[in-house]
Amino acid sequence: MGGLAALICAASFALFMLSLAAVAWKLSRTMAVTNRILDDIRRETLPLLGKLQTTMDHVNREMEYVDGVLEAVGGLASRLDSMTAALQQLVTSPLVRFLSLGIGARRALGERARREDGGKD
């Protein structure tokens, strides 16, 4: 009876070890497939990252160019605003004086005409 128990125990241990070996073999195949997938991803990702870096460098250079253009336009707008204010002051002052003179002359002539009309009646 002791020999039979030892034989059953040995057979059970052998089946357990075979099951464990099958699980380890399947796990090793799964890991191999996973490693191939990761290698493929790595091979495709590294060139894409290089292209992305090149694109970002190009975008940064273009943004520097646009920044320079915007600064130049801002300076030009400021100078144009100053020129417009100076021109407005230059033209408006004599124009106002001329129009004031014209309005004053018109009123004076109107007063004279009313007096003349009033004197005839």
Protein backbone atom coordinates (compact mmCIF):
# COMPACT_ATOMS: atom_id res chain seq x y z
CA MET A 1 0.00 0.00 0.00
CA GLY A 2 2.86 2.39 0.76
CA GLY A 3 4.28 1.73 -2.71
CA LEU A 4 0.95 2.46 -4.38
CA ALA A 5 0.61 5.76 -2.50
CA ALA A 6 4.13 6.73 -3.53
CA LEU A 7 3.32 5.83 -7.17
CA ILE A 8 0.11 7.94 -7.13
CA CYS A 9 1.99 10.80 -5.53
CA ALA A 10 4.76 10.58 -8.14
CA ALA A 11 2.23 10.43 -11.00
CA SER A 12 0.35 13.45 -9.58
CA PHE A 13 3.61 15.38 -9.27
CA ALA A 14 4.56 14.44 -12.84
CA LEU A 15 1.15 15.68 -14.15
CA PHE A 16 1.54 18.90 -12.16
CA MET A 17 4.99 19.46 -13.61
CA LEU A 18 3.74 18.76 -17.16
CA SER A 19 0.91 21.25 -16.64
CA LEU A 20 3.34 23.81 -15.29
CA ALA A 21 5.67 23.24 -18.27
CA ALA A 22 2.73 23.73 -20.70
CA VAL A 23 1.77 27.01 -19.00
CA ALA A 24 5.41 28.18 -19.08
CA TRP A 25 5.71 27.27 -22.78
CA LYS A 26 2.48 29.19 -23.67
CA LEU A 27 3.64 32.13 -21.56
CA SER A 28 6.99 32.14 -23.36
CA ARG A 29 5.22 32.18 -26.77
CA THR A 30 3.00 35.06 -25.61
CA MET A 31 6.05 36.99 -24.44
CA ALA A 32 7.82 36.36 -27.77
CA VAL A 33 4.82 37.72 -29.69
CA THR A 34 4.65 40.71 -27.35
CA ASN A 35 8.36 41.40 -27.86
CA ARG A 36 7.93 41.30 -31.66
CA ILE A 37 5.00 43.72 -31.46
CA LEU A 38 7.01 46.09 -29.25
CA ASP A 39 9.99 45.90 -31.62
CA ASP A 40 7.71 46.77 -34.57
CA ILE A 41 6.24 49.68 -32.65
CA ARG A 42 9.73 50.88 -31.72
CA ARG A 43 10.93 50.66 -35.33
CA GLU A 44 7.96 52.71 -36.55
CA THR A 45 7.89 55.19 -33.68
CA LEU A 46 11.52 56.33 -33.69
CA PRO A 47 11.46 57.66 -37.29
CA LEU A 48 8.11 59.35 -36.58
CA LEU A 49 9.58 61.07 -33.55
CA GLY A 50 12.49 62.28 -35.69
CA LYS A 51 10.07 63.66 -38.29
CA LEU A 52 8.01 65.29 -35.53
CA GLN A 53 11.13 66.97 -34.15
CA THR A 54 12.04 68.24 -37.63
CA THR A 55 8.50 69.56 -38.11
CA MET A 56 8.53 71.30 -34.74
CA ASP A 57 11.90 72.91 -35.55
CA HIS A 58 10.45 74.18 -38.84
CA VAL A 59 7.34 75.51 -37.09
CA ASN A 60 9.50 77.29 -34.51
CA ARG A 61 11.57 78.94 -37.27
CA GLU A 62 8.39 80.08 -39.04
CA MET A 63 6.96 81.43 -35.78
CA GLU A 64 10.14 83.45 -35.24
CA TYR A 65 9.73 84.86 -38.75
CA VAL A 66 6.07 85.69 -38.12
CA ASP A 67 6.99 87.26 -34.78
CA GLY A 68 9.49 89.52 -36.53
CA VAL A 69 6.93 90.50 -39.15
CA LEU A 70 4.35 91.29 -36.46
CA GLU A 71 6.84 93.44 -34.56
CA ALA A 72 7.64 95.34 -37.75
CA VAL A 73 3.94 95.84 -38.49
CA GLY A 74 3.37 97.04 -34.91
CA GLY A 75 6.16 99.60 -35.28
CA LEU A 76 4.79 100.69 -38.64
CA ALA A 77 1.29 101.07 -37.20
CA SER A 78 2.66 103.17 -34.35
CA ARG A 79 4.55 105.44 -36.75
CA LEU A 80 1.51 105.70 -39.00
CA ASP A 81 -0.64 106.68 -36.02
CA SER A 82 1.84 109.41 -35.08
CA MET A 83 1.94 110.68 -38.67
CA THR A 84 -1.85 110.70 -38.86
CA ALA A 85 -2.12 112.68 -35.63
CA ALA A 86 0.47 115.20 -36.85
CA LEU A 87 -1.23 115.56 -40.24
CA GLN A 88 -4.62 115.95 -38.59
CA GLN A 89 -3.25 118.70 -36.36
CA LEU A 90 -1.56 120.38 -39.32
CA VAL A 91 -4.68 120.36 -41.53
CA THR A 92 -7.36 120.85 -38.89
CA SER A 93 -5.99 123.99 -37.27
CA PRO A 94 -5.85 126.15 -40.46
CA LEU A 95 -9.09 124.63 -41.73
CA VAL A 96 -10.89 125.53 -38.51
CA ARG A 97 -9.50 129.04 -38.67
CA PHE A 98 -10.53 129.40 -42.30
CA LEU A 99 -14.05 128.08 -41.62
CA SER A 100 -14.35 130.32 -38.55
CA LEU A 101 -13.33 133.29 -40.66
CA GLY A 102 -15.89 132.30 -43.31
CA ILE A 103 -18.66 131.90 -40.73
CA GLY A 104 -17.75 135.24 -39.13
CA ALA A 105 -17.77 136.96 -42.52
CA ARG A 106 -21.11 135.36 -43.37
CA ARG A 107 -22.64 136.56 -40.11
CA ALA A 108 -21.24 140.03 -40.60
CA LEU A 109 -22.63 140.19 -44.12
CA GLY A 110 -25.93 138.80 -42.87
CA GLU A 111 -26.11 141.50 -40.19
CA ARG A 112 -25.30 144.17 -42.74
CA ALA A 113 -27.95 142.84 -45.12
CA ARG A 114 -30.55 142.84 -42.32
CA ARG A 115 -29.67 146.38 -41.39
CA GLU A 116 -29.95 147.48 -44.98
CA ASP A 117 -33.30 145.71 -45.36
CA GLY A 118 -34.44 147.18 -42.09
CA GLY A 119 -33.46 150.68 -43.16
CA LYS A 120 -35.39 150.42 -46.43
CA ASP A 121 -38.64 149.35 -44.86
